Amino acid sequence: MKTKREIKFSIFLKLIILIIIFTVLVNVSIGFILRRSFDRAHMRPPASHMIKMQQYILDDIGNPPDTVKADQILKDVKFDIRFETSTSKYTSNKDLPTIEELKSERDFDDTEKSIMIRSARKFYRVIKLDDGYVIFAQPSPIDEIDIESVIFPLVIIFSILAFLLYISLRWIFGPIKKLSEGVEKISSGDLESKIDVKGNDELENLAASINEMSVNISGMLKAKETLLIDVSHELRSPLTRIKLANEFVEEEKIKKNIREDVIEMESMISGMLETYRAENTGRKPDLKKTDIVLLLKNVISKFSYDKIHFQSKFDKRELLIDPEKIEIALRNIIDNAVKYSEGKPVEISISGNEKNKNETVIAVKDHGRGIEQEEIYKIFEPFYRVDKSRDKKISGYGLGLSIVRKILDLHKAKTEIYSKPGEGTEFRITFIK
């Protein structure tokens, strides 16, 4: 058995390290791509050449500006320009600020021939003419960046990082799937199943704790089974002596009462053992393809009651069930129906479901005293009796139906009960094929 170990790398620490690594990788990736794009943007002519270029543009456009020529030239260069002279006004972009707006900026100096002004986070070059001003919008590195050349590499890098993040998270939390599968096996009764999780973290310790719990539960169940069997055997010995001594009792009434008490105790002991075995011994049913029609006929044949009426819509109907356990369940249901029939017929049928062809329905109906509505779902409780008088002629709905419920639950079968006082009770069991 794997014991709990000292945690060296907790899940929390692993997640913190993972977050730090991926934050660094994202920032480095974005920085690298933007730096590369900025470097490309900076491969434009230097500032002195840009000033000369702007001067050439001014010379070509002329003063006053030839607007047609200006439009043609500005299509080929990344400049926006505004002319403001005493005789004319022209702008290639209406969003460019006017000279009056730029004069309000603190960088503006009317004594300079050419100045650079920052306004609204953009740079403008203002050239002073004899009769006005020319404003050039300076292209920023960001404006020069080709968006497509940035987005595509970012998408590729983020996709790779997302994949690596998925792999990392799966590595960290992968043991949770093993834990879930292991717990499911244990809950289904496979107490010998062990969960093997490695990671030197909380999940490994949790797996070790679950394994330890499984071993402890298995030990307790075995101890309980041993105790129950031992007690049952010990009780049978004095019961046998009582039966033997009862044969020497002369008064027939007392003799009969003692015999009935002994039979009831023996039945109770057998029922307790049967209930325990149905619930714990090999909890996982031994499923086999079984002809349920033939099985039901065999169960009915063991009853001496001659008023059992059987009908089947199938000649043969195979279900994946544990035949031994289902036989116990059917025997108990039919036994209760016979006991409560009060000499009236017991109707047993097996049919399909028109809405769902994979379902098989077994119905057992008696025409006896019936059950009150508030009592119906209590009859599956061990030792519960509907008959409050505790009539010994009728053992009542109790241990037998407790066994039935456990067996049918193991098979994931649905149980329905319909009953009215004075009209009888019908049990309907639905199996999924």
Protein backbone atom coordinates (compact mmCIF):
# COMPACT_ATOMS: atom_id res chain seq x y z
CA MET A 1 0.00 0.00 0.00
CA LYS A 2 1.27 3.41 -0.97
CA THR A 3 1.66 5.63 2.06
CA LYS A 4 1.36 9.37 2.19
CA ARG A 5 4.55 11.28 1.38
CA GLU A 6 5.82 14.68 2.27
CA ILE A 7 4.74 17.17 -0.39
CA LYS A 8 7.68 18.81 -2.18
CA PHE A 9 5.87 20.37 -5.14
CA SER A 10 2.29 21.31 -4.39
CA ILE A 11 -0.24 21.86 -7.16
CA PHE A 12 -0.43 25.51 -6.16
CA LEU A 13 3.34 25.91 -6.58
CA LYS A 14 3.24 24.15 -9.96
CA LEU A 15 0.48 26.48 -11.15
CA ILE A 16 2.38 29.57 -9.95
CA ILE A 17 5.52 28.44 -11.81
CA LEU A 18 3.45 27.66 -14.90
CA ILE A 19 1.77 31.10 -14.83
CA ILE A 20 5.14 32.85 -14.44
CA ILE A 21 6.72 30.89 -17.30
CA PHE A 22 3.84 31.52 -19.69
CA THR A 23 3.59 35.20 -18.72
CA VAL A 24 7.29 35.61 -19.53
CA LEU A 25 6.90 33.70 -22.81
CA VAL A 26 3.90 35.81 -23.88
CA ASN A 27 5.67 39.08 -23.07
CA VAL A 28 8.88 38.00 -24.79
CA SER A 29 6.94 36.87 -27.87
CA ILE A 30 4.96 40.11 -28.12
CA GLY A 31 8.10 42.18 -27.50
CA PHE A 32 10.09 40.27 -30.11
CA ILE A 33 7.42 40.65 -32.81
CA LEU A 34 6.80 44.34 -32.09
CA ARG A 35 10.54 45.04 -31.97
CA ARG A 36 10.97 43.33 -35.32
CA SER A 37 8.09 45.34 -36.77
CA PHE A 38 9.47 48.60 -35.35
CA ASP A 39 12.87 47.80 -36.82
CA ARG A 40 11.27 47.40 -40.21
CA ALA A 41 9.36 50.64 -39.73
CA HIS A 42 12.60 52.44 -38.91
CA MET A 43 14.12 51.39 -42.22
CA ARG A 44 12.65 54.57 -43.71
CA PRO A 45 14.79 57.56 -44.66
CA PRO A 46 16.46 59.37 -41.74
CA ALA A 47 15.09 62.68 -40.44
CA SER A 48 17.36 64.87 -42.61
CA HIS A 49 16.28 63.02 -45.73
CA MET A 50 12.64 63.27 -44.63
CA ILE A 51 12.95 67.04 -44.36
CA LYS A 52 14.42 67.18 -47.85
CA MET A 53 11.61 64.95 -49.11
CA GLN A 54 9.02 67.24 -47.59
CA GLN A 55 10.77 70.22 -49.20
CA TYR A 56 10.67 68.52 -52.60
CA ILE A 57 6.95 67.91 -52.11
CA LEU A 58 6.44 71.60 -51.33
CA ASP A 59 8.40 72.61 -54.43
CA ASP A 60 6.39 70.27 -56.64
CA ILE A 61 3.03 71.36 -55.28
CA GLY A 62 3.94 75.04 -55.50
CA ASN A 63 2.53 78.02 -53.71
CA PRO A 64 -0.33 78.55 -54.03
CA PRO A 65 -0.67 74.73 -54.06
CA ASP A 66 -1.73 72.82 -57.12
CA THR A 67 -4.37 70.62 -55.47
CA VAL A 68 -4.57 68.12 -58.34
CA LYS A 69 -0.81 67.61 -58.31
CA ALA A 70 -0.83 67.48 -54.51
CA ASP A 71 -3.37 64.63 -54.54
CA GLN A 72 -1.27 62.67 -57.03
CA ILE A 73 1.98 63.11 -55.09
CA LEU A 74 0.48 62.34 -51.67
CA LYS A 75 -0.92 59.03 -52.93
CA ASP A 76 2.63 57.71 -53.24
CA VAL A 77 4.03 59.02 -49.94
CA LYS A 78 2.94 58.48 -46.34
CA PHE A 79 2.40 62.11 -45.55
CA ASP A 80 -0.65 64.18 -44.76
CA ILE A 81 -0.34 67.90 -45.43
CA ARG A 82 -2.24 71.09 -44.75
CA PHE A 83 -1.64 74.45 -46.45
CA GLU A 84 -2.84 77.62 -44.82
CA THR A 85 -1.84 80.81 -46.66
CA SER A 86 -3.44 84.17 -47.18
CA THR A 87 -4.57 83.18 -50.67
CA SER A 88 -5.45 79.48 -50.34
CA LYS A 89 -6.17 76.58 -48.04
CA TYR A 90 -5.69 72.88 -48.75
CA THR A 91 -5.61 69.69 -46.66
CA SER A 92 -5.15 66.06 -47.62
CA ASN A 93 -6.80 64.93 -44.38
CA LYS A 94 -9.58 66.76 -42.59
CA ASP A 95 -8.38 65.33 -39.25
CA LEU A 96 -5.16 67.36 -39.39
CA PRO A 97 -5.19 70.16 -36.81
CA THR A 98 -5.30 73.76 -38.04
CA ILE A 99 -2.48 76.19 -37.39
CA GLU A 100 -4.61 77.93 -34.80
CA GLU A 101 -4.98 74.66 -32.90
CA LEU A 102 -1.25 74.00 -33.02
CA LYS A 103 -0.43 77.52 -31.86
CA SER A 104 -2.06 76.64 -28.56
CA GLU A 105 0.53 73.92 -27.96
CA ARG A 106 3.45 74.85 -25.72
CA ASP A 107 6.00 73.58 -28.28
CA PHE A 108 4.89 76.14 -30.85
CA ASP A 109 7.45 78.88 -31.55
CA ASP A 110 6.51 81.41 -34.22
CA THR A 111 10.08 82.67 -34.47
CA GLU A 112 11.36 79.38 -35.92
CA LYS A 113 11.25 78.60 -39.61
CA SER A 114 10.61 74.89 -39.03
CA ILE A 115 9.45 73.36 -35.75
CA MET A 116 8.25 69.95 -34.48
CA ILE A 117 5.07 70.02 -32.38
CA ARG A 118 3.46 67.22 -30.38
CA SER A 119 -0.32 67.42 -30.24
CA ALA A 120 -2.82 64.74 -29.22
CA ARG A 121 -0.01 62.15 -29.02
CA LYS A 122 1.02 62.83 -32.62
CA PHE A 123 3.91 64.76 -34.12
CA TYR A 124 3.54 67.53 -36.67
CA ARG A 125 6.19 69.53 -38.56
CA VAL A 126 5.19 73.15 -39.11
CA ILE A 127 7.02 75.11 -41.84
CA LYS A 128 6.59 78.85 -41.80
CA LEU A 129 6.06 80.48 -45.20
CA ASP A 130 6.09 84.17 -46.12
CA ASP A 131 2.31 84.31 -46.19
CA GLY A 132 1.22 81.32 -44.11
CA TYR A 133 2.08 77.84 -42.87
CA VAL A 134 2.45 74.26 -44.08
CA ILE A 135 1.73 71.42 -41.66
CA PHE A 136 3.12 67.91 -42.22
CA ALA A 137 1.79 64.98 -40.17
CA GLN A 138 4.88 62.99 -39.20
CA PRO A 139 4.38 59.20 -39.62
CA SER A 140 4.98 57.37 -36.30
CA PRO A 141 6.58 53.91 -36.13
CA ILE A 142 3.22 52.47 -35.12
CA ASP A 143 1.59 53.93 -38.21
CA GLU A 144 4.35 52.38 -40.29
CA ILE A 145 3.80 48.88 -38.87
CA ASP A 146 2.18 46.36 -41.19
CA ILE A 147 -0.65 44.97 -39.05
CA GLU A 148 -0.84 41.72 -41.00
CA SER A 149 2.85 41.08 -40.43
CA VAL A 150 2.21 41.39 -36.67
CA ILE A 151 -1.08 39.50 -36.31
CA PHE A 152 -0.05 36.37 -38.21
CA PRO A 153 3.10 35.63 -36.13
CA LEU A 154 1.17 36.44 -32.93
CA VAL A 155 -1.58 33.97 -33.86
CA ILE A 156 1.02 31.26 -34.57
CA ILE A 157 2.94 31.90 -31.34
CA PHE A 158 -0.21 32.13 -29.18
CA SER A 159 -1.50 28.88 -30.71
CA ILE A 160 1.76 27.14 -29.84
CA LEU A 161 1.73 28.60 -26.32
CA ALA A 162 -1.93 27.60 -25.85
CA PHE A 163 -1.09 24.04 -26.90
CA LEU A 164 1.88 23.93 -24.51
CA LEU A 165 -0.34 25.33 -21.74
CA TYR A 166 -2.93 22.61 -22.40
CA ILE A 167 -0.24 19.90 -22.25
CA SER A 168 1.15 21.37 -19.01
CA LEU A 169 -2.28 21.59 -17.34
CA ARG A 170 -3.09 18.07 -18.45
CA TRP A 171 0.18 16.88 -16.91
CA ILE A 172 -0.65 18.64 -13.62
CA PHE A 173 -4.32 17.62 -13.41
CA GLY A 174 -4.11 14.34 -15.35
CA PRO A 175 -4.12 12.27 -12.12
CA ILE A 176 -7.64 13.59 -11.37
CA LYS A 177 -8.99 11.30 -14.11
CA LYS A 178 -7.23 8.32 -12.50
CA LEU A 179 -8.66 9.34 -9.13
CA SER A 180 -12.16 9.58 -10.59
CA GLU A 181 -11.92 6.17 -12.27
CA GLY A 182 -10.50 4.61 -9.10
CA VAL A 183 -13.22 6.06 -6.86
CA GLU A 184 -15.87 4.86 -9.33
CA LYS A 185 -14.47 1.32 -9.15
CA ILE A 186 -14.43 1.43 -5.35
CA SER A 187 -18.00 2.78 -5.23
CA SER A 188 -19.12 -0.11 -7.46
CA GLY A 189 -17.73 -2.57 -4.90
CA ASP A 190 -14.26 -3.28 -6.29
CA LEU A 191 -12.41 -2.67 -3.03
CA GLU A 192 -9.32 -4.46 -4.34
CA SER A 193 -8.79 -1.72 -6.92
CA LYS A 194 -5.84 0.57 -6.25
CA ILE A 195 -5.17 4.07 -7.57
CA ASP A 196 -1.63 4.65 -8.83
CA VAL A 197 -0.87 8.38 -8.98
CA LYS A 198 2.65 9.82 -9.12
CA GLY A 199 3.45 13.48 -8.75
CA ASN A 200 4.77 14.13 -5.25
CA ASP A 201 1.90 16.53 -4.62
CA GLU A 202 -1.56 16.69 -3.02
CA LEU A 203 -3.09 14.38 -5.64
CA GLU A 204 -0.59 11.62 -4.88
CA ASN A 205 -1.39 11.97 -1.17
CA LEU A 206 -5.11 11.90 -1.95
CA ALA A 207 -4.67 8.68 -3.95
CA ALA A 208 -2.74 7.14 -1.06
CA SER A 209 -5.51 8.15 1.37
CA ILE A 210 -8.21 6.65 -0.88
CA ASN A 211 -6.22 3.41 -1.19
CA GLU A 212 -5.85 3.30 2.58
CA MET A 213 -9.57 3.97 3.02
CA SER A 214 -10.39 1.17 0.56
CA VAL A 215 -8.24 -1.29 2.51
CA ASN A 216 -9.86 -0.24 5.80
CA ILE A 217 -13.39 -0.55 4.39
CA SER A 218 -12.57 -3.96 2.94
CA GLY A 219 -11.25 -5.06 6.33
CA MET A 220 -14.34 -3.78 8.15
CA LEU A 221 -16.68 -5.52 5.70
CA LYS A 222 -14.81 -8.79 6.06
CA ALA A 223 -14.94 -8.45 9.84
CA LYS A 224 -18.66 -7.69 9.65
CA GLU A 225 -19.25 -10.69 7.39
CA THR A 226 -17.28 -12.96 9.71
CA LEU A 227 -19.22 -11.68 12.73
CA LEU A 228 -22.57 -12.09 10.98
CA ILE A 229 -21.79 -15.64 9.86
CA ASP A 230 -20.45 -16.59 13.29
CA VAL A 231 -23.47 -15.14 15.08
CA SER A 232 -25.84 -16.86 12.64
CA HIS A 233 -24.17 -20.21 13.21
CA GLU A 234 -24.19 -19.68 16.95
CA LEU A 235 -27.91 -18.86 16.85
CA ARG A 236 -28.75 -21.94 14.82
CA SER A 237 -27.34 -24.25 17.49
CA PRO A 238 -29.71 -23.16 20.31
CA LEU A 239 -32.58 -23.06 17.80
CA THR A 240 -31.89 -26.69 16.93
CA ARG A 241 -31.91 -27.58 20.64
CA ILE A 242 -35.19 -25.68 21.09
CA LYS A 243 -36.74 -27.60 18.19
CA LEU A 244 -35.57 -30.86 19.71
CA ALA A 245 -36.83 -29.95 23.18
CA ASN A 246 -40.13 -28.77 21.70
CA GLU A 247 -40.87 -32.31 20.54
CA PHE A 248 -41.19 -33.32 24.19
CA VAL A 249 -43.75 -30.63 24.96
CA GLU A 250 -47.11 -32.28 25.49
CA GLU A 251 -49.50 -29.35 25.06
CA GLU A 252 -50.07 -29.00 21.31
CA LYS A 253 -50.89 -25.25 21.37
CA ILE A 254 -47.64 -24.34 23.14
CA LYS A 255 -45.75 -26.73 20.88
CA LYS A 256 -47.21 -25.08 17.79
CA ASN A 257 -46.37 -21.55 18.99
CA ILE A 258 -42.77 -22.51 19.79
CA ARG A 259 -42.40 -24.19 16.39
CA GLU A 260 -43.67 -21.06 14.62
CA ASP A 261 -41.29 -18.85 16.63
CA VAL A 262 -38.34 -21.07 15.74
CA ILE A 263 -39.28 -21.11 12.05
CA GLU A 264 -39.59 -17.31 12.09
CA MET A 265 -36.16 -16.91 13.71
CA GLU A 266 -34.59 -19.32 11.22
CA SER A 267 -36.20 -17.41 8.37
CA MET A 268 -34.92 -14.13 9.80
CA ILE A 269 -31.37 -15.48 10.13
CA SER A 270 -31.44 -16.81 6.55
CA GLY A 271 -32.83 -13.51 5.34
CA MET A 272 -30.12 -11.53 7.12
CA LEU A 273 -27.40 -13.66 5.56
CA GLU A 274 -29.00 -13.45 2.13
CA THR A 275 -29.37 -9.68 2.43
CA TYR A 276 -25.75 -9.26 3.43
CA ARG A 277 -24.50 -11.46 0.61
CA ALA A 278 -26.63 -9.63 -1.94
CA GLU A 279 -25.22 -6.30 -0.79
CA ASN A 280 -21.59 -7.11 -0.11
CA THR A 281 -20.41 -10.48 -1.40
CA GLY A 282 -19.31 -9.84 -4.96
CA ARG A 283 -21.23 -6.61 -5.17
CA LYS A 284 -20.45 -6.42 -8.83
CA PRO A 285 -23.00 -8.74 -10.50
CA ASP A 286 -21.74 -11.66 -12.57
CA LEU A 287 -23.49 -10.61 -15.77
CA LYS A 288 -24.40 -13.29 -18.32
CA LYS A 289 -26.72 -13.44 -21.30
CA THR A 290 -29.76 -15.15 -19.80
CA ASP A 291 -33.18 -16.07 -21.16
CA ILE A 292 -35.37 -14.18 -18.67
CA VAL A 293 -38.51 -16.05 -19.85
CA LEU A 294 -37.00 -19.43 -19.03
CA LEU A 295 -35.60 -18.12 -15.73
CA LEU A 296 -39.00 -16.77 -14.69
CA LYS A 297 -40.71 -20.06 -15.59
CA ASN A 298 -38.19 -21.98 -13.46
CA VAL A 299 -38.84 -19.68 -10.48
CA ILE A 300 -42.64 -20.07 -10.84
CA SER A 301 -42.32 -23.87 -11.05
CA LYS A 302 -40.84 -23.95 -7.53
CA PHE A 303 -44.10 -22.63 -6.02
CA SER A 304 -46.84 -25.08 -5.12
CA TYR A 305 -49.49 -22.36 -5.36
CA ASP A 306 -51.83 -23.43 -8.20
CA LYS A 307 -53.35 -19.99 -8.92
CA ILE A 308 -50.29 -18.41 -10.53
CA HIS A 309 -51.16 -17.25 -14.06
CA PHE A 310 -48.19 -16.59 -16.34
CA GLN A 311 -48.17 -14.76 -19.67
CA SER A 312 -45.24 -13.85 -21.92
CA LYS A 313 -45.10 -11.89 -25.16
CA PHE A 314 -41.77 -13.53 -25.91
CA ASP A 315 -40.80 -17.14 -26.52
CA LYS A 316 -37.27 -16.15 -25.63
CA ARG A 317 -35.82 -12.88 -24.31
CA GLU A 318 -32.12 -12.61 -23.49
CA LEU A 319 -30.93 -10.05 -20.94
CA LEU A 320 -27.46 -9.32 -19.57
CA ILE A 321 -28.07 -10.16 -15.89
CA ASP A 322 -26.72 -12.13 -12.96
CA PRO A 323 -29.12 -15.12 -13.12
CA GLU A 324 -28.55 -16.24 -9.53
CA LYS A 325 -29.25 -12.82 -8.04
CA ILE A 326 -32.24 -12.12 -10.30
CA GLU A 327 -33.68 -15.52 -9.39
CA ILE A 328 -33.48 -14.53 -5.71
CA ALA A 329 -35.21 -11.21 -6.45
CA LEU A 330 -38.02 -12.79 -8.49
CA ARG A 331 -38.53 -15.54 -5.93
CA ASN A 332 -38.95 -12.99 -3.13
CA ILE A 333 -41.41 -10.84 -5.10
CA ILE A 334 -43.54 -13.83 -6.13
CA ASP A 335 -43.34 -15.24 -2.59
CA ASN A 336 -44.76 -12.00 -1.17
CA ALA A 337 -47.49 -11.94 -3.82
CA VAL A 338 -48.52 -15.50 -2.96
CA LYS A 339 -48.53 -14.78 0.80
CA TYR A 340 -50.74 -11.72 0.35
CA SER A 341 -52.99 -13.16 -2.36
CA GLU A 342 -55.43 -14.57 0.23
CA GLY A 343 -56.28 -17.47 -2.06
CA LYS A 344 -56.83 -15.26 -5.11
CA PRO A 345 -54.91 -15.51 -8.40
CA VAL A 346 -51.40 -14.11 -8.82
CA GLU A 347 -50.79 -12.73 -12.32
CA ILE A 348 -47.23 -12.73 -13.69
CA SER A 349 -46.36 -11.32 -17.10
CA ILE A 350 -43.32 -10.42 -19.13
CA SER A 351 -43.55 -7.93 -21.99
CA GLY A 352 -41.71 -5.20 -23.86
CA ASN A 353 -42.14 -1.46 -23.98
CA GLU A 354 -43.72 -0.02 -27.13
CA LYS A 355 -41.86 3.28 -26.70
CA ASN A 356 -38.50 1.67 -25.97
CA LYS A 357 -37.81 -1.73 -27.53
CA ASN A 358 -34.71 -2.20 -25.38
CA GLU A 359 -36.80 -2.42 -22.21
CA THR A 360 -38.21 -5.62 -20.73
CA VAL A 361 -40.99 -5.35 -18.15
CA ILE A 362 -41.86 -8.05 -15.60
CA ALA A 363 -45.12 -7.52 -13.70
CA VAL A 364 -46.25 -9.49 -10.63
CA LYS A 365 -49.78 -8.71 -9.45
CA ASP A 366 -51.77 -10.10 -6.54
CA HIS A 367 -55.39 -9.40 -5.60
CA GLY A 368 -54.87 -9.37 -1.85
CA ARG A 369 -55.26 -6.75 0.84
CA GLY A 370 -53.11 -4.08 -0.83
CA ILE A 371 -50.86 -1.45 0.75
CA GLU A 372 -51.56 2.09 1.91
CA GLN A 373 -49.86 4.80 -0.17
CA GLU A 374 -47.71 6.02 2.72
CA GLU A 375 -46.47 2.46 3.30
CA ILE A 376 -45.44 1.61 -0.27
CA TYR A 377 -41.84 2.84 -0.24
CA LYS A 378 -41.21 1.68 3.32
CA ILE A 379 -41.61 -1.97 2.37
CA PHE A 380 -38.03 -2.08 1.07
CA GLU A 381 -36.66 -1.33 4.54
CA PRO A 382 -35.21 -4.36 6.35
CA PHE A 383 -37.57 -5.87 8.97
CA TYR A 384 -40.41 -3.52 8.00
CA ARG A 385 -43.87 -5.06 8.03
CA VAL A 386 -47.04 -3.65 6.59
CA ASP A 387 -49.02 -6.04 8.77
CA LYS A 388 -49.02 -4.18 12.10
CA SER A 389 -50.52 -7.17 13.88
CA ARG A 390 -47.38 -9.13 12.96
CA ASP A 391 -49.44 -12.14 11.92
CA LYS A 392 -47.06 -15.10 11.85
CA LYS A 393 -48.98 -16.67 8.99
CA ILE A 394 -47.76 -13.84 6.82
CA SER A 395 -44.11 -12.92 7.20
CA GLY A 396 -44.79 -9.53 5.62
CA TYR A 397 -42.85 -7.31 3.23
CA GLY A 398 -39.47 -6.97 4.92
CA LEU A 399 -36.14 -8.65 4.48
CA GLY A 400 -37.20 -10.25 1.20
CA LEU A 401 -37.91 -6.95 -0.51
CA SER A 402 -34.83 -5.37 1.03
CA ILE A 403 -32.84 -8.02 -0.85
CA VAL A 404 -34.86 -7.34 -4.00
CA ARG A 405 -34.08 -3.62 -3.96
CA LYS A 406 -30.33 -4.22 -3.54
CA ILE A 407 -30.20 -6.78 -6.36
CA LEU A 408 -32.21 -4.62 -8.77
CA ASP A 409 -30.10 -1.57 -7.94
CA LEU A 410 -27.00 -3.57 -8.88
CA HIS A 411 -28.61 -4.26 -12.27
CA LYS A 412 -29.76 -0.64 -12.67
CA ALA A 413 -33.31 -1.93 -13.07
CA LYS A 414 -36.31 0.28 -12.33
CA THR A 415 -38.86 -0.82 -9.72
CA GLU A 416 -42.43 0.48 -9.62
CA ILE A 417 -45.20 -0.44 -7.16
CA TYR A 418 -48.90 0.15 -7.69
CA SER A 419 -51.26 -0.71 -4.86
CA LYS A 420 -54.70 0.09 -3.45
CA PRO A 421 -56.07 -1.22 -0.15
CA GLY A 422 -58.54 -4.01 -0.83
CA GLU A 423 -57.54 -4.36 -4.51
CA GLY A 424 -54.04 -5.80 -4.37
CA THR A 425 -50.49 -4.86 -5.31
CA GLU A 426 -48.53 -4.90 -8.56
CA PHE A 427 -44.73 -4.93 -8.82
CA ARG A 428 -43.24 -3.81 -12.13
CA ILE A 429 -39.55 -4.37 -12.86
CA THR A 430 -38.03 -2.77 -15.96
CA PHE A 431 -34.72 -4.06 -17.33
CA ILE A 432 -32.70 -2.32 -20.03
CA LYS A 433 -31.65 -4.90 -22.62
